[in-house]
Amino acid sequence: MDQKKETCLGVFSLLNASWIIAIIQLFYNVFIMPSAVTSIYSVVQSINITATSDHTNTVLVLSCSYYTWSAVCHILGMCAAILLILSHVGSPPAPSHLLTWLLLTSFHPLLYLLAVLDSLLRGNITVVAGKMIHSGLPFLLTMYSMHLMYSLYRQMVQDQEYHRLYVGEEKGEMEKTKSKNCYQSII
């Protein structure tokens, strides 16, 4: 029953790391969100000003939709961080909250991968390089954080199952002694 608990970088327990991850995620999304909104505004103005060529408008509309989805991902990231922080208040988080956090957090890396894949398919290597330089490190940190939270989820589920098994064994022993006494009393 005594198992080795997983840690974050061998320093923090996963439960403490989840606090740190939630706070960093909240601050990151709060501080990056205004730049996404500003980018949407500037692209929309560019669409209105340069309505000369269809190709230029198509590129501007695509970049506007990327920034719009980026803003949506930042909002979902803020919701995920707030959910994780609120689930920690008072008691350890339920494993189901961690799965919800994973779902809400996964949209930003997915958007990054789709944007890189789109640029690769279009053959625009400079945009791919720019996205990797600008968003590569947040992508890697998000994926590592998701790995840590999934490890915490597995650990919490395993602890719950061990607890159920232990309580079941104790209950079974109590029932055996009761049934012995009842059987002996009959004889």
Protein backbone atom coordinates (compact mmCIF):
# COMPACT_ATOMS: atom_id res chain seq x y z
CA MET A 1 0.00 0.00 0.00
CA ASP A 2 2.97 2.28 0.53
CA GLN A 3 3.76 3.53 -2.96
CA LYS A 4 6.12 6.17 -4.22
CA LYS A 5 4.27 9.39 -5.03
CA GLU A 6 5.12 11.19 -8.24
CA THR A 7 6.57 14.69 -7.99
CA CYS A 8 7.13 17.72 -10.19
CA LEU A 9 10.85 17.90 -10.99
CA GLY A 10 11.54 15.93 -7.80
CA VAL A 11 10.82 19.04 -5.72
CA PHE A 12 7.08 19.61 -5.38
CA SER A 13 4.29 17.16 -4.80
CA LEU A 14 1.86 17.06 -7.68
CA LEU A 15 -0.85 18.64 -5.54
CA ASN A 16 1.39 21.64 -4.79
CA ALA A 17 2.47 21.77 -8.42
CA SER A 18 -1.18 21.99 -9.45
CA TRP A 19 -1.51 25.18 -7.38
CA ILE A 20 1.55 26.65 -9.07
CA ILE A 21 0.32 25.61 -12.52
CA ALA A 22 -3.12 27.12 -11.93
CA ILE A 23 -1.69 30.46 -10.79
CA ILE A 24 0.81 30.64 -13.67
CA GLN A 25 -1.91 29.69 -16.16
CA LEU A 26 -4.24 32.37 -14.82
CA PHE A 27 -1.63 35.12 -14.97
CA TYR A 28 -0.39 34.04 -18.42
CA ASN A 29 -3.87 34.09 -19.93
CA VAL A 30 -4.80 37.37 -18.25
CA PHE A 31 -1.66 39.13 -19.53
CA ILE A 32 -1.68 37.63 -23.05
CA MET A 33 -5.41 38.09 -23.66
CA PRO A 34 -5.21 41.87 -24.39
CA SER A 35 -2.61 41.30 -27.11
CA ALA A 36 -4.93 38.79 -28.82
CA VAL A 37 -7.82 41.25 -28.69
CA THR A 38 -5.57 44.03 -30.02
CA SER A 39 -4.46 41.75 -32.87
CA ILE A 40 -8.08 41.02 -33.78
CA TYR A 41 -8.85 44.74 -33.83
CA SER A 42 -5.85 45.58 -36.03
CA VAL A 43 -6.63 42.77 -38.49
CA VAL A 44 -10.27 43.87 -38.75
CA GLN A 45 -9.12 47.41 -39.48
CA SER A 46 -6.71 46.08 -42.13
CA ILE A 47 -9.56 44.19 -43.78
CA ASN A 48 -11.63 47.37 -43.94
CA ILE A 49 -8.73 49.49 -45.28
CA THR A 50 -7.27 47.08 -47.85
CA ALA A 51 -10.19 45.66 -49.73
CA THR A 52 -8.20 45.63 -52.96
CA SER A 53 -7.24 42.04 -53.58
CA ASP A 54 -9.11 38.84 -52.77
CA HIS A 55 -5.88 37.05 -51.77
CA THR A 56 -4.99 39.73 -49.22
CA ASN A 57 -8.51 39.64 -47.78
CA THR A 58 -8.38 35.85 -47.52
CA VAL A 59 -5.09 35.98 -45.60
CA LEU A 60 -6.41 38.73 -43.32
CA VAL A 61 -9.63 36.84 -42.63
CA LEU A 62 -7.65 33.68 -41.80
CA SER A 63 -5.38 35.59 -39.43
CA CYS A 64 -8.44 37.25 -37.87
CA SER A 65 -10.03 33.85 -37.26
CA TYR A 66 -6.74 32.59 -35.74
CA TYR A 67 -6.61 35.53 -33.33
CA THR A 68 -10.29 35.10 -32.51
CA TRP A 69 -9.79 31.42 -31.67
CA SER A 70 -6.65 32.38 -29.74
CA ALA A 71 -8.72 34.78 -27.62
CA VAL A 72 -11.31 32.02 -27.05
CA CYS A 73 -8.51 29.65 -25.97
CA HIS A 74 -7.21 32.27 -23.53
CA ILE A 75 -10.70 32.66 -22.05
CA LEU A 76 -10.98 28.87 -21.70
CA GLY A 77 -7.52 28.82 -20.09
CA MET A 78 -8.62 31.42 -17.55
CA CYS A 79 -11.74 29.36 -16.81
CA ALA A 80 -9.60 26.22 -16.39
CA ALA A 81 -7.24 27.99 -13.99
CA ILE A 82 -10.11 29.40 -11.94
CA LEU A 83 -11.75 25.95 -11.84
CA LEU A 84 -8.52 24.38 -10.61
CA ILE A 85 -8.00 27.06 -7.96
CA LEU A 86 -11.60 26.81 -6.74
CA SER A 87 -11.46 23.02 -6.63
CA HIS A 88 -8.43 23.24 -4.32
CA VAL A 89 -10.16 25.49 -1.81
CA GLY A 90 -11.13 23.54 1.28
CA SER A 91 -10.14 20.05 0.16
CA PRO A 92 -8.04 18.25 -2.45
CA PRO A 93 -9.57 18.48 -5.91
CA ALA A 94 -11.79 15.71 -7.16
CA PRO A 95 -10.23 13.75 -10.02
CA SER A 96 -13.09 14.77 -12.30
CA HIS A 97 -12.08 18.44 -11.91
CA LEU A 98 -8.63 17.56 -13.21
CA LEU A 99 -10.12 15.98 -16.33
CA THR A 100 -12.21 19.10 -16.91
CA TRP A 101 -9.07 21.21 -16.49
CA LEU A 102 -7.25 19.01 -19.02
CA LEU A 103 -10.06 19.43 -21.54
CA LEU A 104 -10.24 23.22 -21.19
CA THR A 105 -6.45 23.59 -21.29
CA SER A 106 -5.98 21.36 -24.34
CA PHE A 107 -7.56 23.85 -26.76
CA HIS A 108 -4.56 26.20 -26.81
CA PRO A 109 -1.97 23.54 -27.80
CA LEU A 110 -4.46 22.21 -30.35
CA LEU A 111 -4.79 25.67 -31.91
CA TYR A 112 -1.00 25.99 -32.01
CA LEU A 113 -0.62 22.63 -33.78
CA LEU A 114 -3.37 23.48 -36.28
CA ALA A 115 -1.77 26.86 -37.05
CA VAL A 116 1.66 25.27 -37.60
CA LEU A 117 0.14 22.51 -39.74
CA ASP A 118 -1.82 25.07 -41.78
CA SER A 119 1.32 27.10 -42.44
CA LEU A 120 3.26 23.96 -43.35
CA LEU A 121 0.60 22.86 -45.81
CA ARG A 122 0.62 26.31 -47.39
CA GLY A 123 4.41 26.10 -47.67
CA ASN A 124 5.01 29.24 -45.64
CA ILE A 125 8.11 28.25 -43.68
CA THR A 126 8.76 31.74 -42.30
CA VAL A 127 5.34 31.76 -40.61
CA VAL A 128 6.02 28.28 -39.19
CA ALA A 129 9.34 29.47 -37.78
CA GLY A 130 7.71 32.60 -36.37
CA LYS A 131 4.96 30.57 -34.66
CA MET A 132 7.52 28.17 -33.23
CA ILE A 133 9.62 31.03 -31.88
CA HIS A 134 6.63 32.97 -30.52
CA SER A 135 4.47 30.14 -29.19
CA GLY A 136 6.75 27.10 -28.95
CA LEU A 137 7.78 27.50 -25.32
CA PRO A 138 4.23 28.10 -24.02
CA PHE A 139 3.17 25.03 -26.02
CA LEU A 140 5.85 22.86 -24.39
CA LEU A 141 5.12 24.18 -20.90
CA THR A 142 1.40 23.60 -21.40
CA MET A 143 2.00 20.04 -22.55
CA TYR A 144 4.24 19.37 -19.53
CA SER A 145 1.64 20.86 -17.20
CA MET A 146 -1.03 18.68 -18.77
CA HIS A 147 1.21 15.65 -18.23
CA LEU A 148 1.64 16.58 -14.56
CA MET A 149 -2.07 17.08 -14.02
CA TYR A 150 -2.86 13.76 -15.70
CA SER A 151 -0.28 12.12 -13.40
CA LEU A 152 -2.02 13.75 -10.43
CA TYR A 153 -5.35 12.46 -11.74
CA ARG A 154 -4.00 8.89 -11.99
CA GLN A 155 -2.47 9.18 -8.51
CA MET A 156 -5.72 10.43 -6.98
CA VAL A 157 -7.78 7.71 -8.66
CA GLN A 158 -5.29 5.08 -7.49
CA ASP A 159 -5.45 6.44 -3.92
CA GLN A 160 -9.25 6.33 -4.04
CA GLU A 161 -9.20 2.74 -5.26
CA TYR A 162 -6.72 1.70 -2.56
CA HIS A 163 -8.92 3.39 0.03
CA ARG A 164 -12.01 1.57 -1.25
CA LEU A 165 -10.11 -1.72 -1.24
CA TYR A 166 -8.84 -1.13 2.30
CA VAL A 167 -12.26 -0.15 3.61
CA GLY A 168 -13.75 -3.16 1.81
CA GLU A 169 -11.21 -5.49 3.46
CA GLU A 170 -11.97 -4.06 6.90
CA LYS A 171 -15.69 -4.37 6.29
CA GLY A 172 -15.23 -7.93 5.04
CA GLU A 173 -13.25 -8.91 8.16
CA MET A 174 -15.94 -7.44 10.38
CA GLU A 175 -18.62 -9.37 8.52
CA LYS A 176 -16.59 -12.60 8.83
CA THR A 177 -16.30 -12.19 12.60
CA LYS A 178 -20.01 -11.44 12.85
CA SER A 179 -20.88 -14.45 10.76
CA LYS A 180 -18.55 -16.67 12.88
CA ASN A 181 -20.16 -15.48 16.06
CA CYS A 182 -23.60 -16.02 14.60
CA TYR A 183 -22.66 -19.52 13.41
CA GLN A 184 -21.06 -20.40 16.75
CA SER A 185 -24.09 -19.17 18.60
CA ILE A 186 -26.29 -21.50 16.55
CA ILE A 187 -24.15 -24.54 17.40
